[in-house]
Amino acid sequence: MSNVIRPTFGARPKPEDVPPTIASVTELRAVRHLGQAAGYDVAMVRDEDTKQGPVSNVVVGLEAGSDVDVVAILPGTQEGEADAEVVGMAILRTLELLETTGRGPEIA
């Protein structure tokens, strides 16, 4: 995912530095569950085990599933957590709009 916001802010990571895009919910420590919309959960998690140091991740996954996709990575500072919350709320609002207009993804 080349469009993920990284803590290096624009610098391309080395292949060994790229985090997996999909992780199990049980592997992550949720800081805050931001909400559910259009069949998806949006949450903010903290990852302490990166080469860059602690980071705040915004993750999205199916409500019924146990896997999540990392959609934004921000520094693990208070400012980074605040930015991650803003990003997560924007994603959640987008999913809510898709849900209310009936243009959301179809879930089998």
PDB file of N, CA and C in Angstrom:
ATOM      1  N   MET A   1       0.839  -1.174   0.000  1.00  0.00           N
ATOM      2  CA  MET A   1       0.000   0.000   0.000  1.00  0.00           C
ATOM      3  C   MET A   1       0.883   1.234   0.000  1.00  0.00           C
ATOM      4  N   SER A   2       1.066   1.824  -1.136  1.00  0.00           N
ATOM      5  CA  SER A   2       1.940   2.983  -1.249  1.00  0.00           C
ATOM      6  C   SER A   2       1.271   4.270  -0.786  1.00  0.00           C
ATOM      7  N   ASN A   3      -0.031   4.239  -0.522  1.00  0.00           N
ATOM      8  CA  ASN A   3      -0.732   5.454  -0.126  1.00  0.00           C
ATOM      9  C   ASN A   3      -0.935   5.558   1.386  1.00  0.00           C
ATOM     10  N   VAL A   4      -0.246   4.745   2.169  1.00  0.00           N
ATOM     11  CA  VAL A   4      -0.364   4.781   3.621  1.00  0.00           C
ATOM     12  C   VAL A   4       0.483   5.919   4.169  1.00  0.00           C
ATOM     13  N   ILE A   5      -0.079   6.682   5.104  1.00  0.00           N
ATOM     14  CA  ILE A   5       0.664   7.757   5.752  1.00  0.00           C
ATOM     15  C   ILE A   5       1.655   7.119   6.714  1.00  0.00           C
ATOM     16  N   ARG A   6       2.931   7.409   6.532  1.00  0.00           N
ATOM     17  CA  ARG A   6       3.970   6.771   7.329  1.00  0.00           C
ATOM     18  C   ARG A   6       4.612   7.759   8.286  1.00  0.00           C
ATOM     19  N   PRO A   7       5.227   7.239   9.383  1.00  0.00           N
ATOM     20  CA  PRO A   7       5.904   8.146  10.310  1.00  0.00           C
ATOM     21  C   PRO A   7       7.144   8.792   9.716  1.00  0.00           C
ATOM     22  N   THR A   8       7.616   8.298   8.573  1.00  0.00           N
ATOM     23  CA  THR A   8       8.770   8.912   7.912  1.00  0.00           C
ATOM     24  C   THR A   8       8.336  10.044   6.986  1.00  0.00           C
ATOM     25  N   PHE A   9       7.036  10.293   6.891  1.00  0.00           N
ATOM     26  CA  PHE A   9       6.459  11.418   6.158  1.00  0.00           C
ATOM     27  C   PHE A   9       7.013  11.623   4.762  1.00  0.00           C
ATOM     28  N   GLY A  10       6.688  10.696   3.880  1.00  0.00           N
ATOM     29  CA  GLY A  10       7.024  10.863   2.475  1.00  0.00           C
ATOM     30  C   GLY A  10       8.173  10.025   1.990  1.00  0.00           C
ATOM     31  N   ALA A  11       9.086   9.638   2.839  1.00  0.00           N
ATOM     32  CA  ALA A  11      10.216   8.808   2.420  1.00  0.00           C
ATOM     33  C   ALA A  11       9.725   7.384   2.219  1.00  0.00           C
ATOM     34  N   ARG A  12      10.115   6.771   1.128  1.00  0.00           N
ATOM     35  CA  ARG A  12       9.735   5.390   0.862  1.00  0.00           C
ATOM     36  C   ARG A  12      10.459   4.463   1.842  1.00  0.00           C
ATOM     37  N   PRO A  13       9.734   3.545   2.483  1.00  0.00           N
ATOM     38  CA  PRO A  13      10.394   2.631   3.404  1.00  0.00           C
ATOM     39  C   PRO A  13      11.144   1.535   2.655  1.00  0.00           C
ATOM     40  N   LYS A  14      12.131   0.966   3.305  1.00  0.00           N
ATOM     41  CA  LYS A  14      12.819  -0.201   2.762  1.00  0.00           C
ATOM     42  C   LYS A  14      11.855  -1.372   2.854  1.00  0.00           C
ATOM     43  N   PRO A  15      11.971  -2.353   1.966  1.00  0.00           N
ATOM     44  CA  PRO A  15      11.023  -3.480   1.989  1.00  0.00           C
ATOM     45  C   PRO A  15      10.924  -4.153   3.356  1.00  0.00           C
ATOM     46  N   GLU A  16      12.018  -4.236   4.098  1.00  0.00           N
ATOM     47  CA  GLU A  16      11.961  -4.892   5.407  1.00  0.00           C
ATOM     48  C   GLU A  16      11.269  -4.028   6.458  1.00  0.00           C
ATOM     49  N   ASP A  17      11.089  -2.731   6.184  1.00  0.00           N
ATOM     50  CA  ASP A  17      10.429  -1.822   7.124  1.00  0.00           C
ATOM     51  C   ASP A  17       8.921  -1.744   6.930  1.00  0.00           C
ATOM     52  N   VAL A  18       8.408  -2.277   5.828  1.00  0.00           N
ATOM     53  CA  VAL A  18       6.987  -2.166   5.526  1.00  0.00           C
ATOM     54  C   VAL A  18       6.210  -3.110   6.438  1.00  0.00           C
ATOM     55  N   PRO A  19       5.269  -2.574   7.226  1.00  0.00           N
ATOM     56  CA  PRO A  19       4.481  -3.439   8.099  1.00  0.00           C
ATOM     57  C   PRO A  19       3.484  -4.236   7.279  1.00  0.00           C
ATOM     58  N   PRO A  20       3.047  -5.374   7.799  1.00  0.00           N
ATOM     59  CA  PRO A  20       2.015  -6.116   7.071  1.00  0.00           C
ATOM     60  C   PRO A  20       0.746  -5.282   7.029  1.00  0.00           C
ATOM     61  N   THR A  21       0.054  -5.307   5.893  1.00  0.00           N
ATOM     62  CA  THR A  21      -1.144  -4.491   5.765  1.00  0.00           C
ATOM     63  C   THR A  21      -2.322  -5.115   6.488  1.00  0.00           C
ATOM     64  N   ILE A  22      -2.278  -6.425   6.680  1.00  0.00           N
ATOM     65  CA  ILE A  22      -3.373  -7.077   7.375  1.00  0.00           C
ATOM     66  C   ILE A  22      -2.808  -7.757   8.616  1.00  0.00           C
ATOM     67  N   ALA A  23      -3.454  -7.526   9.734  1.00  0.00           N
ATOM     68  CA  ALA A  23      -3.021  -8.125  10.986  1.00  0.00           C
ATOM     69  C   ALA A  23      -4.234  -8.695  11.698  1.00  0.00           C
ATOM     70  N   SER A  24      -3.987  -9.614  12.575  1.00  0.00           N
ATOM     71  CA  SER A  24      -5.056 -10.178  13.383  1.00  0.00           C
ATOM     72  C   SER A  24      -5.382  -9.197  14.507  1.00  0.00           C
ATOM     73  N   VAL A  25      -6.640  -9.070  14.828  1.00  0.00           N
ATOM     74  CA  VAL A  25      -7.057  -8.162  15.895  1.00  0.00           C
ATOM     75  C   VAL A  25      -6.386  -8.541  17.211  1.00  0.00           C
ATOM     76  N   THR A  26      -6.163  -9.825  17.431  1.00  0.00           N
ATOM     77  CA  THR A  26      -5.580 -10.268  18.691  1.00  0.00           C
ATOM     78  C   THR A  26      -4.114  -9.882  18.810  1.00  0.00           C
ATOM     79  N   GLU A  27      -3.439  -9.550  17.708  1.00  0.00           N
ATOM     80  CA  GLU A  27      -2.034  -9.161  17.730  1.00  0.00           C
ATOM     81  C   GLU A  27      -1.858  -7.687  18.084  1.00  0.00           C
ATOM     82  N   LEU A  28      -2.921  -6.905  18.052  1.00  0.00           N
ATOM     83  CA  LEU A  28      -2.828  -5.466  18.231  1.00  0.00           C
ATOM     84  C   LEU A  28      -3.466  -5.040  19.544  1.00  0.00           C
ATOM     85  N   ARG A  29      -2.951  -3.963  20.114  1.00  0.00           N
ATOM     86  CA  ARG A  29      -3.517  -3.398  21.344  1.00  0.00           C
ATOM     87  C   ARG A  29      -4.337  -2.165  20.960  1.00  0.00           C
ATOM     88  N   ALA A  30      -5.641  -2.296  21.065  1.00  0.00           N
ATOM     89  CA  ALA A  30      -6.525  -1.192  20.678  1.00  0.00           C
ATOM     90  C   ALA A  30      -6.424  -0.064  21.691  1.00  0.00           C
ATOM     91  N   VAL A  31      -6.204   1.137  21.180  1.00  0.00           N
ATOM     92  CA  VAL A  31      -6.204   2.332  22.018  1.00  0.00           C
ATOM     93  C   VAL A  31      -7.630   2.848  22.120  1.00  0.00           C
ATOM     94  N   ARG A  32      -8.312   2.832  20.991  1.00  0.00           N
ATOM     95  CA  ARG A  32      -9.674   3.345  20.968  1.00  0.00           C
ATOM     96  C   ARG A  32     -10.439   2.751  19.801  1.00  0.00           C
ATOM     97  N   HIS A  33     -11.653   2.263  20.084  1.00  0.00           N
ATOM     98  CA  HIS A  33     -12.557   1.816  19.033  1.00  0.00           C
ATOM     99  C   HIS A  33     -13.353   3.037  18.614  1.00  0.00           C
ATOM    100  N   LEU A  34     -13.202   3.449  17.353  1.00  0.00           N
ATOM    101  CA  LEU A  34     -13.823   4.685  16.899  1.00  0.00           C
ATOM    102  C   LEU A  34     -15.270   4.505  16.460  1.00  0.00           C
ATOM    103  N   GLY A  35     -15.637   3.285  16.056  1.00  0.00           N
ATOM    104  CA  GLY A  35     -17.024   3.054  15.689  1.00  0.00           C
ATOM    105  C   GLY A  35     -17.187   2.034  14.597  1.00  0.00           C
ATOM    106  N   GLN A  36     -18.458   1.835  14.206  1.00  0.00           N
ATOM    107  CA  GLN A  36     -18.812   0.895  13.156  1.00  0.00           C
ATOM    108  C   GLN A  36     -19.741   1.587  12.166  1.00  0.00           C
ATOM    109  N   ALA A  37     -19.538   1.286  10.892  1.00  0.00           N
ATOM    110  CA  ALA A  37     -20.431   1.812   9.848  1.00  0.00           C
ATOM    111  C   ALA A  37     -20.243   0.986   8.587  1.00  0.00           C
ATOM    112  N   ALA A  38     -21.309   0.803   7.837  1.00  0.00           N
ATOM    113  CA  ALA A  38     -21.291   0.106   6.555  1.00  0.00           C
ATOM    114  C   ALA A  38     -20.666  -1.283   6.650  1.00  0.00           C
ATOM    115  N   GLY A  39     -20.799  -1.920   7.804  1.00  0.00           N
ATOM    116  CA  GLY A  39     -20.272  -3.266   7.963  1.00  0.00           C
ATOM    117  C   GLY A  39     -18.801  -3.335   8.361  1.00  0.00           C
ATOM    118  N   TYR A  40     -18.212  -2.196   8.698  1.00  0.00           N
ATOM    119  CA  TYR A  40     -16.796  -2.140   9.058  1.00  0.00           C
ATOM    120  C   TYR A  40     -16.589  -1.556  10.448  1.00  0.00           C
ATOM    121  N   ASP A  41     -15.536  -2.012  11.113  1.00  0.00           N
ATOM    122  CA  ASP A  41     -15.062  -1.435  12.368  1.00  0.00           C
ATOM    123  C   ASP A  41     -13.882  -0.533  12.060  1.00  0.00           C
ATOM    124  N   VAL A  42     -13.790   0.594  12.753  1.00  0.00           N
ATOM    125  CA  VAL A  42     -12.644   1.504  12.637  1.00  0.00           C
ATOM    126  C   VAL A  42     -12.067   1.676  14.039  1.00  0.00           C
ATOM    127  N   ALA A  43     -10.750   1.489  14.167  1.00  0.00           N
ATOM    128  CA  ALA A  43     -10.119   1.600  15.476  1.00  0.00           C
ATOM    129  C   ALA A  43      -8.736   2.217  15.343  1.00  0.00           C
ATOM    130  N   MET A  44      -8.236   2.681  16.478  1.00  0.00           N
ATOM    131  CA  MET A  44      -6.866   3.181  16.562  1.00  0.00           C
ATOM    132  C   MET A  44      -6.108   2.213  17.460  1.00  0.00           C
ATOM    133  N   VAL A  45      -4.962   1.735  16.994  1.00  0.00           N
ATOM    134  CA  VAL A  45      -4.145   0.803  17.769  1.00  0.00           C
ATOM    135  C   VAL A  45      -2.735   1.351  17.899  1.00  0.00           C
ATOM    136  N   ARG A  46      -2.039   0.879  18.901  1.00  0.00           N
ATOM    137  CA  ARG A  46      -0.655   1.307  19.131  1.00  0.00           C
ATOM    138  C   ARG A  46       0.253   0.118  18.865  1.00  0.00           C
ATOM    139  N   ASP A  47       1.325   0.350  18.129  1.00  0.00           N
ATOM    140  CA  ASP A  47       2.312  -0.682  17.831  1.00  0.00           C
ATOM    141  C   ASP A  47       3.658  -0.219  18.374  1.00  0.00           C
ATOM    142  N   GLU A  48       4.160  -0.903  19.369  1.00  0.00           N
ATOM    143  CA  GLU A  48       5.431  -0.540  20.006  1.00  0.00           C
ATOM    144  C   GLU A  48       6.626  -1.155  19.297  1.00  0.00           C
ATOM    145  N   ASP A  49       6.393  -2.191  18.488  1.00  0.00           N
ATOM    146  CA  ASP A  49       7.480  -2.997  17.932  1.00  0.00           C
ATOM    147  C   ASP A  49       7.813  -2.642  16.488  1.00  0.00           C
ATOM    148  N   THR A  50       8.137  -1.395  16.215  1.00  0.00           N
ATOM    149  CA  THR A  50       8.574  -1.014  14.875  1.00  0.00           C
ATOM    150  C   THR A  50       9.982  -0.443  14.955  1.00  0.00           C
ATOM    151  N   LYS A  51      10.677  -0.472  13.820  1.00  0.00           N
ATOM    152  CA  LYS A  51      12.038   0.084  13.791  1.00  0.00           C
ATOM    153  C   LYS A  51      12.042   1.586  14.043  1.00  0.00           C
ATOM    154  N   GLN A  52      10.940   2.254  13.696  1.00  0.00           N
ATOM    155  CA  GLN A  52      10.845   3.700  13.883  1.00  0.00           C
ATOM    156  C   GLN A  52      10.458   4.061  15.312  1.00  0.00           C
ATOM    157  N   GLY A  53      10.153   3.082  16.127  1.00  0.00           N
ATOM    158  CA  GLY A  53       9.664   3.345  17.476  1.00  0.00           C
ATOM    159  C   GLY A  53       8.157   3.184  17.515  1.00  0.00           C
ATOM    160  N   PRO A  54       7.536   3.561  18.620  1.00  0.00           N
ATOM    161  CA  PRO A  54       6.089   3.398  18.745  1.00  0.00           C
ATOM    162  C   PRO A  54       5.333   4.212  17.692  1.00  0.00           C
ATOM    163  N   VAL A  55       4.286   3.611  17.149  1.00  0.00           N
ATOM    164  CA  VAL A  55       3.439   4.299  16.175  1.00  0.00           C
ATOM    165  C   VAL A  55       1.971   4.069  16.528  1.00  0.00           C
ATOM    166  N   SER A  56       1.136   4.968  16.061  1.00  0.00           N
ATOM    167  CA  SER A  56      -0.317   4.829  16.177  1.00  0.00           C
ATOM    168  C   SER A  56      -0.845   4.456  14.806  1.00  0.00           C
ATOM    169  N   ASN A  57      -1.588   3.361  14.740  1.00  0.00           N
ATOM    170  CA  ASN A  57      -2.156   2.893  13.481  1.00  0.00           C
ATOM    171  C   ASN A  57      -3.663   3.081  13.494  1.00  0.00           C
ATOM    172  N   VAL A  58      -4.212   3.475  12.363  1.00  0.00           N
ATOM    173  CA  VAL A  58      -5.656   3.464  12.169  1.00  0.00           C
ATOM    174  C   VAL A  58      -5.935   2.204  11.359  1.00  0.00           C
ATOM    175  N   VAL A  59      -6.853   1.366  11.859  1.00  0.00           N
ATOM    176  CA  VAL A  59      -7.145   0.097  11.197  1.00  0.00           C
ATOM    177  C   VAL A  59      -8.632   0.006  10.885  1.00  0.00           C
ATOM    178  N   VAL A  60      -8.945  -0.715   9.794  1.00  0.00           N
ATOM    179  CA  VAL A  60     -10.321  -0.940   9.369  1.00  0.00           C
ATOM    180  C   VAL A  60     -10.468  -2.426   9.084  1.00  0.00           C
ATOM    181  N   GLY A  61     -11.572  -3.003   9.529  1.00  0.00           N
ATOM    182  CA  GLY A  61     -11.842  -4.413   9.269  1.00  0.00           C
ATOM    183  C   GLY A  61     -13.333  -4.676   9.277  1.00  0.00           C
ATOM    184  N   LEU A  62     -13.716  -5.797   8.697  1.00  0.00           N
ATOM    185  CA  LEU A  62     -15.128  -6.181   8.695  1.00  0.00           C
ATOM    186  C   LEU A  62     -15.603  -6.415  10.119  1.00  0.00           C
ATOM    187  N   GLU A  63     -16.839  -6.017  10.402  1.00  0.00           N
ATOM    188  CA  GLU A  63     -17.404  -6.211  11.737  1.00  0.00           C
ATOM    189  C   GLU A  63     -17.351  -7.671  12.151  1.00  0.00           C
ATOM    190  N   ALA A  64     -17.656  -8.563  11.225  1.00  0.00           N
ATOM    191  CA  ALA A  64     -17.733  -9.987  11.541  1.00  0.00           C
ATOM    192  C   ALA A  64     -16.378 -10.687  11.467  1.00  0.00           C
ATOM    193  N   GLY A  65     -15.347  -9.992  11.011  1.00  0.00           N
ATOM    194  CA  GLY A  65     -14.053 -10.634  10.832  1.00  0.00           C
ATOM    195  C   GLY A  65     -13.095 -10.370  11.972  1.00  0.00           C
ATOM    196  N   SER A  66     -11.960 -11.050  11.916  1.00  0.00           N
ATOM    197  CA  SER A  66     -10.938 -10.848  12.945  1.00  0.00           C
ATOM    198  C   SER A  66      -9.679 -10.209  12.366  1.00  0.00           C
ATOM    199  N   ASP A  67      -9.662  -9.957  11.056  1.00  0.00           N
ATOM    200  CA  ASP A  67      -8.520  -9.316  10.422  1.00  0.00           C
ATOM    201  C   ASP A  67      -8.814  -7.843  10.180  1.00  0.00           C
ATOM    202  N   VAL A  68      -7.777  -7.023  10.308  1.00  0.00           N
ATOM    203  CA  VAL A  68      -7.906  -5.596  10.039  1.00  0.00           C
ATOM    204  C   VAL A  68      -6.832  -5.178   9.059  1.00  0.00           C
ATOM    205  N   ASP A  69      -7.070  -4.085   8.370  1.00  0.00           N
ATOM    206  CA  ASP A  69      -6.123  -3.521   7.414  1.00  0.00           C
ATOM    207  C   ASP A  69      -5.635  -2.189   7.959  1.00  0.00           C
ATOM    208  N   VAL A  70      -4.332  -2.006   8.012  1.00  0.00           N
ATOM    209  CA  VAL A  70      -3.763  -0.745   8.465  1.00  0.00           C
ATOM    210  C   VAL A  70      -3.923   0.271   7.339  1.00  0.00           C
ATOM    211  N   VAL A  71      -4.620   1.389   7.614  1.00  0.00           N
ATOM    212  CA  VAL A  71      -4.862   2.395   6.584  1.00  0.00           C
ATOM    213  C   VAL A  71      -4.082   3.682   6.825  1.00  0.00           C
ATOM    214  N   ALA A  72      -3.546   3.867   8.035  1.00  0.00           N
ATOM    215  CA  ALA A  72      -2.720   5.046   8.315  1.00  0.00           C
ATOM    216  C   ALA A  72      -1.771   4.715   9.460  1.00  0.00           C
ATOM    217  N   ILE A  73      -0.536   5.192   9.344  1.00  0.00           N
ATOM    218  CA  ILE A  73       0.484   5.004  10.373  1.00  0.00           C
ATOM    219  C   ILE A  73       1.019   6.377  10.746  1.00  0.00           C
ATOM    220  N   LEU A  74       0.924   6.707  12.033  1.00  0.00           N
ATOM    221  CA  LEU A  74       1.372   8.014  12.515  1.00  0.00           C
ATOM    222  C   LEU A  74       2.297   7.823  13.706  1.00  0.00           C
ATOM    223  N   PRO A  75       3.111   8.828  14.023  1.00  0.00           N
ATOM    224  CA  PRO A  75       4.033   8.701  15.155  1.00  0.00           C
ATOM    225  C   PRO A  75       3.289   8.391  16.457  1.00  0.00           C
ATOM    226  N   GLY A  76       3.948   7.674  17.353  1.00  0.00           N
ATOM    227  CA  GLY A  76       3.342   7.280  18.618  1.00  0.00           C
ATOM    228  C   GLY A  76       3.396   8.351  19.682  1.00  0.00           C
ATOM    229  N   THR A  77       3.354   9.598  19.297  1.00  0.00           N
ATOM    230  CA  THR A  77       3.346  10.720  20.233  1.00  0.00           C
ATOM    231  C   THR A  77       1.901  11.134  20.499  1.00  0.00           C
ATOM    232  N   GLN A  78       1.721  12.058  21.439  1.00  0.00           N
ATOM    233  CA  GLN A  78       0.367  12.571  21.699  1.00  0.00           C
ATOM    234  C   GLN A  78      -0.204  13.248  20.462  1.00  0.00           C
ATOM    235  N   GLU A  79       0.643  13.990  19.754  1.00  0.00           N
ATOM    236  CA  GLU A  79       0.192  14.652  18.530  1.00  0.00           C
ATOM    237  C   GLU A  79      -0.164  13.624  17.455  1.00  0.00           C
ATOM    238  N   GLY A  80       0.643  12.562  17.348  1.00  0.00           N
ATOM    239  CA  GLY A  80       0.366  11.502  16.384  1.00  0.00           C
ATOM    240  C   GLY A  80      -0.933  10.787  16.698  1.00  0.00           C
ATOM    241  N   GLU A  81      -1.190  10.545  17.987  1.00  0.00           N
ATOM    242  CA  GLU A  81      -2.448   9.913  18.377  1.00  0.00           C
ATOM    243  C   GLU A  81      -3.639  10.816  18.063  1.00  0.00           C
ATOM    244  N   ALA A  82      -3.483  12.111  18.272  1.00  0.00           N
ATOM    245  CA  ALA A  82      -4.558  13.054  17.939  1.00  0.00           C
ATOM    246  C   ALA A  82      -4.819  13.042  16.434  1.00  0.00           C
ATOM    247  N   ASP A  83      -3.751  13.033  15.637  1.00  0.00           N
ATOM    248  CA  ASP A  83      -3.908  12.976  14.183  1.00  0.00           C
ATOM    249  C   ASP A  83      -4.544  11.653  13.752  1.00  0.00           C
ATOM    250  N   ALA A  84      -4.145  10.552  14.393  1.00  0.00           N
ATOM    251  CA  ALA A  84      -4.716   9.244  14.069  1.00  0.00           C
ATOM    252  C   ALA A  84      -6.216   9.225  14.375  1.00  0.00           C
ATOM    253  N   GLU A  85      -6.607   9.880  15.450  1.00  0.00           N
ATOM    254  CA  GLU A  85      -8.029   9.951  15.786  1.00  0.00           C
ATOM    255  C   GLU A  85      -8.797  10.745  14.727  1.00  0.00           C
ATOM    256  N   VAL A  86      -8.223  11.835  14.255  1.00  0.00           N
ATOM    257  CA  VAL A  86      -8.865  12.637  13.198  1.00  0.00           C
ATOM    258  C   VAL A  86      -9.005  11.813  11.923  1.00  0.00           C
ATOM    259  N   VAL A  87      -7.946  11.105  11.545  1.00  0.00           N
ATOM    260  CA  VAL A  87      -7.983  10.257  10.340  1.00  0.00           C
ATOM    261  C   VAL A  87      -9.056   9.179  10.503  1.00  0.00           C
ATOM    262  N   GLY A  88      -9.060   8.522  11.657  1.00  0.00           N
ATOM    263  CA  GLY A  88     -10.042   7.466  11.903  1.00  0.00           C
ATOM    264  C   GLY A  88     -11.469   7.966  11.862  1.00  0.00           C
ATOM    265  N   MET A  89     -11.706   9.137  12.448  1.00  0.00           N
ATOM    266  CA  MET A  89     -13.053   9.699  12.428  1.00  0.00           C
ATOM    267  C   MET A  89     -13.474  10.094  11.013  1.00  0.00           C
ATOM    268  N   ALA A  90     -12.531  10.558  10.203  1.00  0.00           N
ATOM    269  CA  ALA A  90     -12.843  10.889   8.807  1.00  0.00           C
ATOM    270  C   ALA A  90     -13.210   9.625   8.028  1.00  0.00           C
ATOM    271  N   ILE A  91     -12.498   8.547   8.274  1.00  0.00           N
ATOM    272  CA  ILE A  91     -12.814   7.277   7.611  1.00  0.00           C
ATOM    273  C   ILE A  91     -14.182   6.787   8.060  1.00  0.00           C
ATOM    274  N   LEU A  92     -14.428   6.856   9.354  1.00  0.00           N
ATOM    275  CA  LEU A  92     -15.723   6.425   9.888  1.00  0.00           C
ATOM    276  C   LEU A  92     -16.859   7.247   9.283  1.00  0.00           C
ATOM    277  N   ARG A  93     -16.691   8.548   9.194  1.00  0.00           N
ATOM    278  CA  ARG A  93     -17.729   9.407   8.612  1.00  0.00           C
ATOM    279  C   ARG A  93     -17.959   9.067   7.136  1.00  0.00           C
ATOM    280  N   THR A  94     -16.892   8.777   6.420  1.00  0.00           N
ATOM    281  CA  THR A  94     -17.022   8.378   5.013  1.00  0.00           C
ATOM    282  C   THR A  94     -17.831   7.092   4.894  1.00  0.00           C
ATOM    283  N   LEU A  95     -17.537   6.124   5.753  1.00  0.00           N
ATOM    284  CA  LEU A  95     -18.301   4.872   5.740  1.00  0.00           C
ATOM    285  C   LEU A  95     -19.765   5.118   6.099  1.00  0.00           C
ATOM    286  N   GLU A  96     -20.032   6.022   7.041  1.00  0.00           N
ATOM    287  CA  GLU A  96     -21.414   6.362   7.400  1.00  0.00           C
ATOM    288  C   GLU A  96     -22.155   6.968   6.222  1.00  0.00           C
ATOM    289  N   LEU A  97     -21.475   7.839   5.478  1.00  0.00           N
ATOM    290  CA  LEU A  97     -22.103   8.446   4.297  1.00  0.00           C
ATOM    291  C   LEU A  97     -22.396   7.392   3.234  1.00  0.00           C
ATOM    292  N   LEU A  98     -21.463   6.480   3.024  1.00  0.00           N
ATOM    293  CA  LEU A  98     -21.689   5.400   2.061  1.00  0.00           C
ATOM    294  C   LEU A  98     -22.869   4.536   2.488  1.00  0.00           C
ATOM    295  N   GLU A  99     -22.979   4.298   3.772  1.00  0.00           N
ATOM    296  CA  GLU A  99     -24.062   3.482   4.303  1.00  0.00           C
ATOM    297  C   GLU A  99     -25.416   4.161   4.111  1.00  0.00           C
ATOM    298  N   THR A 100     -25.486   5.457   4.359  1.00  0.00           N
ATOM    299  CA  THR A 100     -26.770   6.163   4.259  1.00  0.00           C
ATOM    300  C   THR A 100     -27.199   6.398   2.814  1.00  0.00           C
ATOM    301  N   THR A 101     -26.256   6.481   1.895  1.00  0.00           N
ATOM    302  CA  THR A 101     -26.618   6.682   0.493  1.00  0.00           C
ATOM    303  C   THR A 101     -26.859   5.374  -0.223  1.00  0.00           C
ATOM    304  N   GLY A 102     -26.603   4.261   0.452  1.00  0.00           N
ATOM    305  CA  GLY A 102     -26.827   2.950  -0.170  1.00  0.00           C
ATOM    306  C   GLY A 102     -25.755   2.564  -1.144  1.00  0.00           C
ATOM    307  N   ARG A 103     -24.625   3.252  -1.127  1.00  0.00           N
ATOM    308  CA  ARG A 103     -23.547   2.926  -2.074  1.00  0.00           C
ATOM    309  C   ARG A 103     -22.407   2.177  -1.392  1.00  0.00           C
ATOM    310  N   GLY A 104     -22.669   1.656  -0.222  1.00  0.00           N
ATOM    311  CA  GLY A 104     -21.635   0.927   0.511  1.00  0.00           C
ATOM    312  C   GLY A 104     -21.307  -0.390  -0.145  1.00  0.00           C
ATOM    313  N   PRO A 105     -20.207  -0.991   0.249  1.00  0.00           N
ATOM    314  CA  PRO A 105     -19.824  -2.270  -0.324  1.00  0.00           C
ATOM    315  C   PRO A 105     -20.829  -3.345   0.071  1.00  0.00           C
ATOM    316  N   GLU A 106     -21.096  -4.249  -0.878  1.00  0.00           N
ATOM    317  CA  GLU A 106     -22.023  -5.321  -0.585  1.00  0.00           C
ATOM    318  C   GLU A 106     -21.301  -6.394   0.213  1.00  0.00           C
ATOM    319  N   ILE A 107     -21.931  -6.849   1.266  1.00  0.00           N
ATOM    320  CA  ILE A 107     -21.357  -7.886   2.110  1.00  0.00           C
ATOM    321  C   ILE A 107     -22.229  -9.121   1.994  1.00  0.00           C
ATOM    322  N   ALA A 108     -21.604 -10.214   1.651  1.00  0.00           N
ATOM    323  CA  ALA A 108     -22.352 -11.477   1.457  1.00  0.00           C
ATOM    324  C   ALA A 108     -22.769 -12.070   2.762  1.00  0.00           C
TER     325      ALA A 108
END
